[in-house]
Amino acid sequence: MSKTRLEAFTDAVIAIIMTVLVLELVRPDSDSLQSFIALLPHLGVYFVSFFILAIYWVNHHHLFQSIKRINGKVLWINISFLFVLSLIPIFSNWVSIYPNSFIPELGYVIIFFFGNFIYLLLTRELLKINGHRKTSETTIRKNILSVVLNIVSILLGYFIAPVIMLVGSALIFSMWVIPDKNIEKMFK
C-alpha cells in the first residue's frame, strides 16, 4: 500500500484544521486599543494551538519520510489522530473565552493527551511494519514520555493549579519542535 495518498490527505486535513482555527477568532468589537487588548487571550491561544498543530504536522511528515509501507491499521490510527486534531479549534476557542477555568483547560490538555497517545500508536505501528523496531527505541521513549507527562500535568493541574496543565503541555511540545534524529538515521 502506498503512503503518498495518506500523507496528502493528512496534509490537507491539518491545513483545514488550521484554517478553522483562525476562523474561530473573534473580531475586535471597535477600533479602540481596549478592543484589541481584549482580543489578546484569543490571539495567544490561537498562536499556541497553531504551533502545536505545526509541531504535529512536522513530526508526522518526518516520521513518514522514514517509512516505505503502511497498512490498514495505520490508515485507521491516522484517521483517529486527525479526528483528535480536528477538535483543537473547539477547545482552543473554549479555553480562550475562559482562560482561567479548570474545565476548558482540562479539555484542551486532554485533546493533546489523546493526540500524543494516538501518535505513539501510529509511530509504533509504522516502525513495526517497516522493520525499524530496534533502532526506534528513543523515538518510542519520547512518545511514551509525552503521554506520561500529559497524565502528570493533568493530575498536578487538578490538585494544585490548572495552569500546570498548560505549562506541562508547553514542555511536552517543546520536546517535539525538533523531530527525532534517530528516525533520520533509520532511512539514511
N, C-alpha and C. Protein backbone atom coordinates (compact mmCIF):
# COMPACT_ATOMS: atom_id res chain seq x y z
N MET A 1 0.85 -1.17 0.00
CA MET A 1 0.00 0.00 0.00
C MET A 1 0.90 1.25 0.00
N SER A 2 0.56 2.24 -0.79
CA SER A 2 1.36 3.46 -0.91
C SER A 2 1.06 4.43 0.23
N LYS A 3 2.08 5.10 0.69
CA LYS A 3 1.91 6.07 1.77
C LYS A 3 1.58 7.47 1.26
N THR A 4 1.81 7.73 -0.02
CA THR A 4 1.66 9.07 -0.59
C THR A 4 0.26 9.63 -0.41
N ARG A 5 -0.73 8.80 -0.65
CA ARG A 5 -2.11 9.26 -0.56
C ARG A 5 -2.46 9.63 0.88
N LEU A 6 -1.99 8.84 1.83
CA LEU A 6 -2.24 9.12 3.24
C LEU A 6 -1.56 10.41 3.67
N GLU A 7 -0.34 10.63 3.21
CA GLU A 7 0.38 11.86 3.52
C GLU A 7 -0.37 13.08 2.98
N ALA A 8 -0.83 12.99 1.73
CA ALA A 8 -1.54 14.12 1.12
C ALA A 8 -2.85 14.40 1.85
N PHE A 9 -3.56 13.35 2.22
CA PHE A 9 -4.81 13.51 2.95
C PHE A 9 -4.55 14.16 4.31
N THR A 10 -3.53 13.70 5.02
CA THR A 10 -3.20 14.25 6.32
C THR A 10 -2.81 15.72 6.20
N ASP A 11 -2.00 16.04 5.20
CA ASP A 11 -1.61 17.44 4.97
C ASP A 11 -2.84 18.31 4.76
N ALA A 12 -3.78 17.83 3.96
CA ALA A 12 -4.99 18.61 3.66
C ALA A 12 -5.85 18.80 4.91
N VAL A 13 -6.03 17.74 5.68
CA VAL A 13 -6.86 17.86 6.87
C VAL A 13 -6.24 18.80 7.89
N ILE A 14 -4.95 18.70 8.10
CA ILE A 14 -4.30 19.60 9.06
C ILE A 14 -4.37 21.05 8.57
N ALA A 15 -4.25 21.26 7.27
CA ALA A 15 -4.39 22.62 6.73
C ALA A 15 -5.80 23.16 6.97
N ILE A 16 -6.79 22.31 6.81
CA ILE A 16 -8.18 22.73 7.06
C ILE A 16 -8.38 23.04 8.54
N ILE A 17 -7.82 22.21 9.41
CA ILE A 17 -7.94 22.46 10.86
C ILE A 17 -7.30 23.80 11.22
N MET A 18 -6.15 24.11 10.62
CA MET A 18 -5.50 25.40 10.88
C MET A 18 -6.37 26.55 10.38
N THR A 19 -7.05 26.35 9.27
CA THR A 19 -7.94 27.38 8.74
C THR A 19 -9.14 27.58 9.66
N VAL A 20 -9.72 26.48 10.12
CA VAL A 20 -10.86 26.58 11.04
C VAL A 20 -10.42 27.28 12.33
N LEU A 21 -9.21 27.01 12.75
CA LEU A 21 -8.68 27.63 13.97
C LEU A 21 -8.69 29.15 13.85
N VAL A 22 -8.27 29.68 12.72
CA VAL A 22 -8.25 31.13 12.55
C VAL A 22 -9.68 31.68 12.41
N LEU A 23 -10.58 30.89 11.85
CA LEU A 23 -11.96 31.34 11.71
C LEU A 23 -12.67 31.44 13.06
N GLU A 24 -12.16 30.72 14.06
CA GLU A 24 -12.74 30.77 15.40
C GLU A 24 -12.38 32.06 16.15
N LEU A 25 -11.41 32.81 15.62
CA LEU A 25 -11.03 34.07 16.28
C LEU A 25 -12.19 35.07 16.20
N VAL A 26 -12.38 35.80 17.29
CA VAL A 26 -13.41 36.84 17.29
C VAL A 26 -12.79 38.14 16.80
N ARG A 27 -13.61 38.95 16.18
CA ARG A 27 -13.15 40.27 15.72
C ARG A 27 -13.22 41.25 16.86
N PRO A 28 -12.33 42.25 16.84
CA PRO A 28 -12.49 43.33 17.83
C PRO A 28 -13.84 44.01 17.61
N ASP A 29 -14.47 44.41 18.69
CA ASP A 29 -15.80 44.99 18.55
C ASP A 29 -15.79 46.50 18.28
N SER A 30 -14.58 47.10 18.24
CA SER A 30 -14.45 48.51 17.87
C SER A 30 -13.03 48.76 17.39
N ASP A 31 -12.75 50.02 17.08
CA ASP A 31 -11.41 50.36 16.60
C ASP A 31 -10.51 50.87 17.73
N SER A 32 -10.85 50.57 18.95
CA SER A 32 -10.08 51.07 20.09
C SER A 32 -8.99 50.09 20.51
N LEU A 33 -8.02 50.62 21.23
CA LEU A 33 -6.94 49.79 21.77
C LEU A 33 -7.50 48.78 22.78
N GLN A 34 -8.52 49.15 23.52
CA GLN A 34 -9.13 48.25 24.50
C GLN A 34 -9.73 47.03 23.81
N SER A 35 -10.30 47.22 22.63
CA SER A 35 -10.85 46.09 21.87
C SER A 35 -9.75 45.13 21.45
N PHE A 36 -8.63 45.69 21.04
CA PHE A 36 -7.50 44.83 20.67
C PHE A 36 -6.94 44.11 21.89
N ILE A 37 -6.81 44.80 23.00
CA ILE A 37 -6.30 44.18 24.23
C ILE A 37 -7.23 43.06 24.67
N ALA A 38 -8.53 43.25 24.52
CA ALA A 38 -9.50 42.20 24.88
C ALA A 38 -9.33 40.97 23.99
N LEU A 39 -8.77 41.17 22.80
CA LEU A 39 -8.57 40.06 21.85
C LEU A 39 -7.30 39.26 22.15
N LEU A 40 -6.39 39.79 22.96
CA LEU A 40 -5.10 39.14 23.21
C LEU A 40 -5.19 37.71 23.74
N PRO A 41 -6.08 37.38 24.68
CA PRO A 41 -6.17 35.97 25.10
C PRO A 41 -6.54 35.04 23.95
N HIS A 42 -7.42 35.49 23.07
CA HIS A 42 -7.81 34.69 21.91
C HIS A 42 -6.63 34.50 20.96
N LEU A 43 -5.89 35.59 20.72
CA LEU A 43 -4.70 35.51 19.85
C LEU A 43 -3.63 34.62 20.46
N GLY A 44 -3.46 34.69 21.77
CA GLY A 44 -2.47 33.85 22.45
C GLY A 44 -2.79 32.38 22.31
N VAL A 45 -4.04 32.01 22.54
CA VAL A 45 -4.44 30.60 22.40
C VAL A 45 -4.36 30.17 20.94
N TYR A 46 -4.74 31.06 20.02
CA TYR A 46 -4.61 30.75 18.60
C TYR A 46 -3.14 30.47 18.24
N PHE A 47 -2.25 31.32 18.70
CA PHE A 47 -0.82 31.18 18.44
C PHE A 47 -0.31 29.81 18.94
N VAL A 48 -0.63 29.49 20.18
CA VAL A 48 -0.19 28.22 20.78
C VAL A 48 -0.78 27.05 20.00
N SER A 49 -2.07 27.08 19.73
CA SER A 49 -2.73 25.97 19.03
C SER A 49 -2.20 25.80 17.61
N PHE A 50 -1.97 26.91 16.92
CA PHE A 50 -1.44 26.84 15.57
C PHE A 50 -0.08 26.15 15.57
N PHE A 51 0.80 26.53 16.51
CA PHE A 51 2.13 25.94 16.53
C PHE A 51 2.13 24.51 17.03
N ILE A 52 1.17 24.16 17.87
CA ILE A 52 1.05 22.75 18.25
C ILE A 52 0.64 21.92 17.04
N LEU A 53 -0.29 22.42 16.26
CA LEU A 53 -0.66 21.72 15.02
C LEU A 53 0.54 21.63 14.08
N ALA A 54 1.31 22.70 14.00
CA ALA A 54 2.51 22.69 13.15
C ALA A 54 3.52 21.65 13.64
N ILE A 55 3.68 21.55 14.95
CA ILE A 55 4.61 20.56 15.51
C ILE A 55 4.13 19.15 15.19
N TYR A 56 2.84 18.90 15.35
CA TYR A 56 2.30 17.59 14.97
C TYR A 56 2.58 17.31 13.50
N TRP A 57 2.31 18.31 12.64
CA TRP A 57 2.49 18.10 11.20
C TRP A 57 3.96 17.82 10.86
N VAL A 58 4.88 18.61 11.41
CA VAL A 58 6.31 18.43 11.11
C VAL A 58 6.77 17.04 11.52
N ASN A 59 6.38 16.60 12.71
CA ASN A 59 6.80 15.29 13.18
C ASN A 59 6.14 14.17 12.38
N HIS A 60 4.88 14.35 12.02
CA HIS A 60 4.18 13.37 11.19
C HIS A 60 4.89 13.25 9.84
N HIS A 61 5.20 14.38 9.24
CA HIS A 61 5.90 14.40 7.96
C HIS A 61 7.27 13.72 8.09
N HIS A 62 7.97 14.05 9.14
CA HIS A 62 9.30 13.49 9.38
C HIS A 62 9.21 11.96 9.54
N LEU A 63 8.24 11.51 10.31
CA LEU A 63 8.05 10.07 10.53
C LEU A 63 7.75 9.37 9.20
N PHE A 64 6.88 9.96 8.40
CA PHE A 64 6.50 9.31 7.14
C PHE A 64 7.63 9.32 6.11
N GLN A 65 8.59 10.21 6.27
CA GLN A 65 9.75 10.18 5.36
C GLN A 65 10.65 8.99 5.66
N SER A 66 10.53 8.42 6.86
CA SER A 66 11.40 7.33 7.26
C SER A 66 10.84 5.95 6.94
N ILE A 67 9.62 5.90 6.43
CA ILE A 67 9.00 4.60 6.18
C ILE A 67 8.67 4.44 4.70
N LYS A 68 8.47 3.18 4.33
CA LYS A 68 8.11 2.90 2.94
C LYS A 68 6.70 2.32 2.81
N ARG A 69 6.26 1.60 3.84
CA ARG A 69 4.97 0.90 3.76
C ARG A 69 4.01 1.35 4.85
N ILE A 70 2.73 1.25 4.52
CA ILE A 70 1.66 1.43 5.51
C ILE A 70 0.71 0.25 5.35
N ASN A 71 -0.20 0.10 6.29
CA ASN A 71 -1.22 -0.94 6.19
C ASN A 71 -2.56 -0.37 6.63
N GLY A 72 -3.58 -1.21 6.64
CA GLY A 72 -4.91 -0.76 7.03
C GLY A 72 -4.98 -0.24 8.45
N LYS A 73 -4.22 -0.85 9.34
CA LYS A 73 -4.19 -0.40 10.73
C LYS A 73 -3.64 1.02 10.83
N VAL A 74 -2.59 1.31 10.05
CA VAL A 74 -2.02 2.66 10.02
C VAL A 74 -3.07 3.66 9.53
N LEU A 75 -3.84 3.28 8.51
CA LEU A 75 -4.87 4.18 7.99
C LEU A 75 -5.85 4.57 9.10
N TRP A 76 -6.34 3.59 9.85
CA TRP A 76 -7.32 3.87 10.90
C TRP A 76 -6.72 4.62 12.08
N ILE A 77 -5.49 4.30 12.43
CA ILE A 77 -4.83 5.05 13.51
C ILE A 77 -4.65 6.50 13.08
N ASN A 78 -4.24 6.71 11.82
CA ASN A 78 -4.05 8.08 11.32
C ASN A 78 -5.37 8.85 11.27
N ILE A 79 -6.45 8.18 10.87
CA ILE A 79 -7.77 8.82 10.86
C ILE A 79 -8.15 9.22 12.28
N SER A 80 -7.88 8.36 13.25
CA SER A 80 -8.16 8.69 14.66
C SER A 80 -7.34 9.89 15.11
N PHE A 81 -6.08 9.93 14.70
CA PHE A 81 -5.20 11.05 15.01
C PHE A 81 -5.78 12.35 14.45
N LEU A 82 -6.22 12.31 13.20
CA LEU A 82 -6.80 13.51 12.57
C LEU A 82 -8.11 13.92 13.24
N PHE A 83 -8.90 12.93 13.67
CA PHE A 83 -10.14 13.24 14.39
C PHE A 83 -9.84 14.05 15.64
N VAL A 84 -8.86 13.59 16.42
CA VAL A 84 -8.50 14.31 17.65
C VAL A 84 -8.00 15.71 17.31
N LEU A 85 -7.14 15.83 16.31
CA LEU A 85 -6.64 17.16 15.93
C LEU A 85 -7.78 18.07 15.48
N SER A 86 -8.81 17.50 14.86
CA SER A 86 -9.92 18.33 14.38
C SER A 86 -10.70 18.97 15.52
N LEU A 87 -10.53 18.48 16.74
CA LEU A 87 -11.21 19.05 17.90
C LEU A 87 -10.45 20.23 18.51
N ILE A 88 -9.21 20.44 18.09
CA ILE A 88 -8.39 21.52 18.66
C ILE A 88 -9.05 22.90 18.50
N PRO A 89 -9.64 23.25 17.35
CA PRO A 89 -10.28 24.58 17.27
C PRO A 89 -11.38 24.81 18.30
N ILE A 90 -12.18 23.80 18.57
CA ILE A 90 -13.28 23.95 19.53
C ILE A 90 -12.71 24.21 20.93
N PHE A 91 -11.75 23.39 21.32
CA PHE A 91 -11.19 23.55 22.66
C PHE A 91 -10.31 24.79 22.78
N SER A 92 -9.69 25.19 21.69
CA SER A 92 -8.91 26.44 21.70
C SER A 92 -9.82 27.62 21.94
N ASN A 93 -10.95 27.64 21.26
CA ASN A 93 -11.91 28.73 21.43
C ASN A 93 -12.44 28.75 22.86
N TRP A 94 -12.76 27.57 23.38
CA TRP A 94 -13.32 27.47 24.73
C TRP A 94 -12.33 27.98 25.78
N VAL A 95 -11.07 27.56 25.66
CA VAL A 95 -10.07 27.98 26.64
C VAL A 95 -9.73 29.47 26.48
N SER A 96 -9.88 30.01 25.28
CA SER A 96 -9.60 31.44 25.10
C SER A 96 -10.71 32.31 25.68
N ILE A 97 -11.93 31.78 25.75
CA ILE A 97 -13.04 32.51 26.36
C ILE A 97 -12.97 32.43 27.88
N TYR A 98 -12.56 31.27 28.39
CA TYR A 98 -12.45 31.05 29.84
C TYR A 98 -11.01 30.64 30.19
N PRO A 99 -10.06 31.58 30.10
CA PRO A 99 -8.65 31.22 30.22
C PRO A 99 -8.21 30.74 31.60
N ASN A 100 -8.94 31.04 32.64
CA ASN A 100 -8.54 30.63 33.98
C ASN A 100 -9.50 29.62 34.59
N SER A 101 -10.21 28.91 33.75
CA SER A 101 -11.19 27.94 34.22
C SER A 101 -10.66 26.53 34.04
N PHE A 102 -10.85 25.71 35.04
CA PHE A 102 -10.29 24.35 35.05
C PHE A 102 -10.84 23.48 33.91
N ILE A 103 -12.14 23.45 33.73
CA ILE A 103 -12.74 22.50 32.76
C ILE A 103 -12.31 22.80 31.32
N PRO A 104 -12.34 24.06 30.84
CA PRO A 104 -11.83 24.30 29.48
C PRO A 104 -10.35 23.95 29.33
N GLU A 105 -9.54 24.27 30.34
CA GLU A 105 -8.11 23.93 30.27
C GLU A 105 -7.93 22.42 30.27
N LEU A 106 -8.72 21.72 31.07
CA LEU A 106 -8.65 20.26 31.10
C LEU A 106 -9.02 19.68 29.74
N GLY A 107 -10.08 20.18 29.14
CA GLY A 107 -10.48 19.71 27.80
C GLY A 107 -9.39 19.95 26.78
N TYR A 108 -8.78 21.11 26.83
CA TYR A 108 -7.69 21.47 25.92
C TYR A 108 -6.52 20.51 26.05
N VAL A 109 -6.14 20.22 27.30
CA VAL A 109 -4.99 19.35 27.55
C VAL A 109 -5.33 17.89 27.25
N ILE A 110 -6.58 17.48 27.50
CA ILE A 110 -6.98 16.11 27.19
C ILE A 110 -6.92 15.85 25.69
N ILE A 111 -7.26 16.85 24.89
CA ILE A 111 -7.13 16.71 23.44
C ILE A 111 -5.68 16.42 23.08
N PHE A 112 -4.74 17.12 23.70
CA PHE A 112 -3.33 16.88 23.43
C PHE A 112 -2.89 15.51 23.95
N PHE A 113 -3.44 15.09 25.07
CA PHE A 113 -3.14 13.75 25.58
C PHE A 113 -3.53 12.69 24.55
N PHE A 114 -4.75 12.79 24.04
CA PHE A 114 -5.19 11.81 23.05
C PHE A 114 -4.40 11.92 21.75
N GLY A 115 -4.06 13.15 21.35
CA GLY A 115 -3.21 13.31 20.16
C GLY A 115 -1.86 12.65 20.35
N ASN A 116 -1.25 12.85 21.52
CA ASN A 116 0.05 12.23 21.81
C ASN A 116 -0.05 10.72 21.91
N PHE A 117 -1.12 10.23 22.54
CA PHE A 117 -1.30 8.79 22.68
C PHE A 117 -1.50 8.12 21.32
N ILE A 118 -2.33 8.71 20.49
CA ILE A 118 -2.57 8.12 19.16
C ILE A 118 -1.31 8.24 18.29
N TYR A 119 -0.57 9.33 18.44
CA TYR A 119 0.69 9.46 17.71
C TYR A 119 1.68 8.37 18.13
N LEU A 120 1.68 8.02 19.41
CA LEU A 120 2.50 6.90 19.90
C LEU A 120 2.09 5.61 19.20
N LEU A 121 0.79 5.34 19.12
CA LEU A 121 0.31 4.14 18.44
C LEU A 121 0.70 4.14 16.97
N LEU A 122 0.56 5.29 16.33
CA LEU A 122 0.92 5.42 14.92
C LEU A 122 2.41 5.16 14.71
N THR A 123 3.24 5.76 15.56
CA THR A 123 4.69 5.57 15.45
C THR A 123 5.06 4.11 15.63
N ARG A 124 4.50 3.48 16.65
CA ARG A 124 4.81 2.06 16.91
C ARG A 124 4.44 1.19 15.71
N GLU A 125 3.25 1.40 15.18
CA GLU A 125 2.80 0.56 14.07
C GLU A 125 3.64 0.79 12.83
N LEU A 126 3.93 2.05 12.52
CA LEU A 126 4.75 2.33 11.33
C LEU A 126 6.15 1.75 11.45
N LEU A 127 6.76 1.90 12.60
CA LEU A 127 8.11 1.38 12.78
C LEU A 127 8.11 -0.15 12.78
N LYS A 128 7.05 -0.74 13.30
CA LYS A 128 6.95 -2.21 13.32
C LYS A 128 6.83 -2.77 11.90
N ILE A 129 5.93 -2.23 11.11
CA ILE A 129 5.72 -2.80 9.77
C ILE A 129 6.84 -2.46 8.80
N ASN A 130 7.67 -1.48 9.18
CA ASN A 130 8.80 -1.12 8.32
C ASN A 130 10.13 -1.66 8.84
N GLY A 131 10.07 -2.53 9.85
CA GLY A 131 11.26 -3.21 10.33
C GLY A 131 12.26 -2.34 11.07
N HIS A 132 11.80 -1.30 11.73
CA HIS A 132 12.70 -0.40 12.45
C HIS A 132 12.56 -0.56 13.97
N ARG A 133 12.15 -1.70 14.44
CA ARG A 133 11.85 -1.89 15.85
C ARG A 133 13.04 -1.57 16.76
N LYS A 134 14.21 -2.09 16.48
CA LYS A 134 15.38 -1.91 17.37
C LYS A 134 15.92 -0.49 17.31
N THR A 135 15.94 0.12 16.15
CA THR A 135 16.56 1.44 16.00
C THR A 135 15.63 2.57 16.45
N SER A 136 14.43 2.25 16.90
CA SER A 136 13.46 3.29 17.21
C SER A 136 13.17 3.43 18.70
N GLU A 137 13.99 2.86 19.55
CA GLU A 137 13.71 2.89 20.98
C GLU A 137 13.59 4.31 21.53
N THR A 138 14.47 5.22 21.13
CA THR A 138 14.39 6.59 21.65
C THR A 138 13.14 7.31 21.15
N THR A 139 12.73 7.02 19.95
CA THR A 139 11.51 7.62 19.41
C THR A 139 10.30 7.17 20.23
N ILE A 140 10.22 5.90 20.50
CA ILE A 140 9.12 5.37 21.29
C ILE A 140 9.18 5.93 22.71
N ARG A 141 10.37 6.02 23.29
CA ARG A 141 10.51 6.58 24.64
C ARG A 141 10.03 8.03 24.68
N LYS A 142 10.35 8.80 23.66
CA LYS A 142 9.91 10.20 23.59
C LYS A 142 8.38 10.26 23.52
N ASN A 143 7.78 9.36 22.77
CA ASN A 143 6.32 9.28 22.68
C ASN A 143 5.71 8.91 24.04
N ILE A 144 6.28 7.90 24.68
CA ILE A 144 5.76 7.46 25.99
C ILE A 144 5.93 8.57 27.02
N LEU A 145 7.08 9.24 27.02
CA LEU A 145 7.32 10.34 27.95
C LEU A 145 6.27 11.44 27.77
N SER A 146 5.91 11.73 26.53
CA SER A 146 4.88 12.74 26.26
C SER A 146 3.55 12.36 26.90
N VAL A 147 3.15 11.11 26.74
CA VAL A 147 1.88 10.64 27.29
C VAL A 147 1.93 10.68 28.82
N VAL A 148 3.03 10.22 29.41
CA VAL A 148 3.17 10.22 30.88
C VAL A 148 3.15 11.65 31.41
N LEU A 149 3.88 12.56 30.75
CA LEU A 149 3.88 13.96 31.19
C LEU A 149 2.49 14.59 31.08
N ASN A 150 1.72 14.18 30.05
CA ASN A 150 0.35 14.67 29.94
C ASN A 150 -0.46 14.25 31.18
N ILE A 151 -0.34 13.00 31.56
CA ILE A 151 -1.09 12.49 32.71
C ILE A 151 -0.66 13.20 33.99
N VAL A 152 0.66 13.34 34.18
CA VAL A 152 1.19 14.01 35.38
C VAL A 152 0.71 15.46 35.43
N SER A 153 0.76 16.16 34.30
CA SER A 153 0.34 17.57 34.31
C SER A 153 -1.15 17.70 34.58
N ILE A 154 -1.96 16.76 34.11
CA ILE A 154 -3.39 16.79 34.40
C ILE A 154 -3.62 16.59 35.89
N LEU A 155 -2.93 15.63 36.48
CA LEU A 155 -3.09 15.38 37.92
C LEU A 155 -2.62 16.57 38.75
N LEU A 156 -1.46 17.12 38.41
CA LEU A 156 -0.96 18.29 39.13
C LEU A 156 -1.88 19.50 38.94
N GLY A 157 -2.42 19.64 37.73
CA GLY A 157 -3.36 20.72 37.46
C GLY A 157 -4.63 20.59 38.28
N TYR A 158 -5.07 19.37 38.47
CA TYR A 158 -6.28 19.13 39.26
C TYR A 158 -6.03 19.41 40.74
N PHE A 159 -4.91 18.92 41.26
CA PHE A 159 -4.65 19.01 42.69
C PHE A 159 -3.97 20.30 43.13
N ILE A 160 -3.25 20.97 42.22
CA ILE A 160 -2.51 22.17 42.62
C ILE A 160 -3.07 23.42 41.95
N ALA A 161 -2.87 23.53 40.63
CA ALA A 161 -3.35 24.71 39.90
C ALA A 161 -3.54 24.33 38.42
N PRO A 162 -4.67 24.71 37.83
CA PRO A 162 -4.94 24.35 36.44
C PRO A 162 -3.87 24.79 35.44
N VAL A 163 -3.20 25.90 35.72
CA VAL A 163 -2.20 26.40 34.78
C VAL A 163 -1.06 25.39 34.59
N ILE A 164 -0.85 24.51 35.55
CA ILE A 164 0.20 23.49 35.43
C ILE A 164 -0.04 22.60 34.21
N MET A 165 -1.31 22.37 33.89
CA MET A 165 -1.62 21.55 32.71
C MET A 165 -1.11 22.22 31.44
N LEU A 166 -1.30 23.53 31.35
CA LEU A 166 -0.85 24.25 30.16
C LEU A 166 0.67 24.31 30.09
N VAL A 167 1.30 24.52 31.24
CA VAL A 167 2.77 24.54 31.29
C VAL A 167 3.32 23.16 30.91
N GLY A 168 2.68 22.11 31.43
CA GLY A 168 3.10 20.75 31.09
C GLY A 168 2.99 20.49 29.59
N SER A 169 1.90 20.95 28.99
CA SER A 169 1.74 20.78 27.53
C SER A 169 2.82 21.53 26.77
N ALA A 170 3.14 22.74 27.24
CA ALA A 170 4.20 23.51 26.58
C ALA A 170 5.53 22.76 26.65
N LEU A 171 5.83 22.17 27.79
CA LEU A 171 7.07 21.39 27.92
C LEU A 171 7.08 20.19 26.98
N ILE A 172 5.96 19.52 26.91
CA ILE A 172 5.86 18.34 26.04
C ILE A 172 6.12 18.75 24.59
N PHE A 173 5.44 19.78 24.14
CA PHE A 173 5.58 20.16 22.74
C PHE A 173 6.94 20.77 22.44
N SER A 174 7.58 21.35 23.44
CA SER A 174 8.94 21.86 23.21
C SER A 174 9.91 20.73 22.90
N MET A 175 9.64 19.52 23.42
CA MET A 175 10.48 18.35 23.10
C MET A 175 10.36 17.96 21.64
N TRP A 176 9.23 18.31 21.03
CA TRP A 176 8.95 17.85 19.68
C TRP A 176 9.23 18.89 18.60
N VAL A 177 9.69 20.09 18.99
CA VAL A 177 9.96 21.13 18.00
C VAL A 177 10.98 20.62 16.98
N ILE A 178 12.00 19.93 17.47
CA ILE A 178 12.98 19.32 16.57
C ILE A 178 12.66 17.84 16.49
N PRO A 179 12.32 17.34 15.30
CA PRO A 179 11.99 15.92 15.17
C PRO A 179 13.16 15.03 15.59
N ASP A 180 12.83 13.80 15.93
CA ASP A 180 13.80 12.83 16.44
C ASP A 180 14.86 12.51 15.38
N LYS A 181 16.11 12.73 15.74
CA LYS A 181 17.23 12.46 14.83
C LYS A 181 17.40 10.97 14.55
N ASN A 182 16.96 10.11 15.47
CA ASN A 182 17.10 8.66 15.26
C ASN A 182 16.28 8.18 14.08
N ILE A 183 15.16 8.84 13.83
CA ILE A 183 14.36 8.47 12.66
C ILE A 183 15.15 8.79 11.39
N GLU A 184 15.85 9.91 11.38
CA GLU A 184 16.68 10.26 10.21
C GLU A 184 17.74 9.19 9.97
N LYS A 185 18.33 8.70 11.04
CA LYS A 185 19.37 7.68 10.91
C LYS A 185 18.82 6.39 10.30
N MET A 186 17.55 6.11 10.57
CA MET A 186 16.95 4.88 10.05
C MET A 186 16.86 4.87 8.54
N PHE A 187 16.65 6.02 7.93
CA PHE A 187 16.46 6.00 6.47
C PHE A 187 17.64 6.55 5.70
N LYS A 188 18.79 6.77 6.36
CA LYS A 188 19.97 7.22 5.64
C LYS A 188 20.80 6.03 5.24
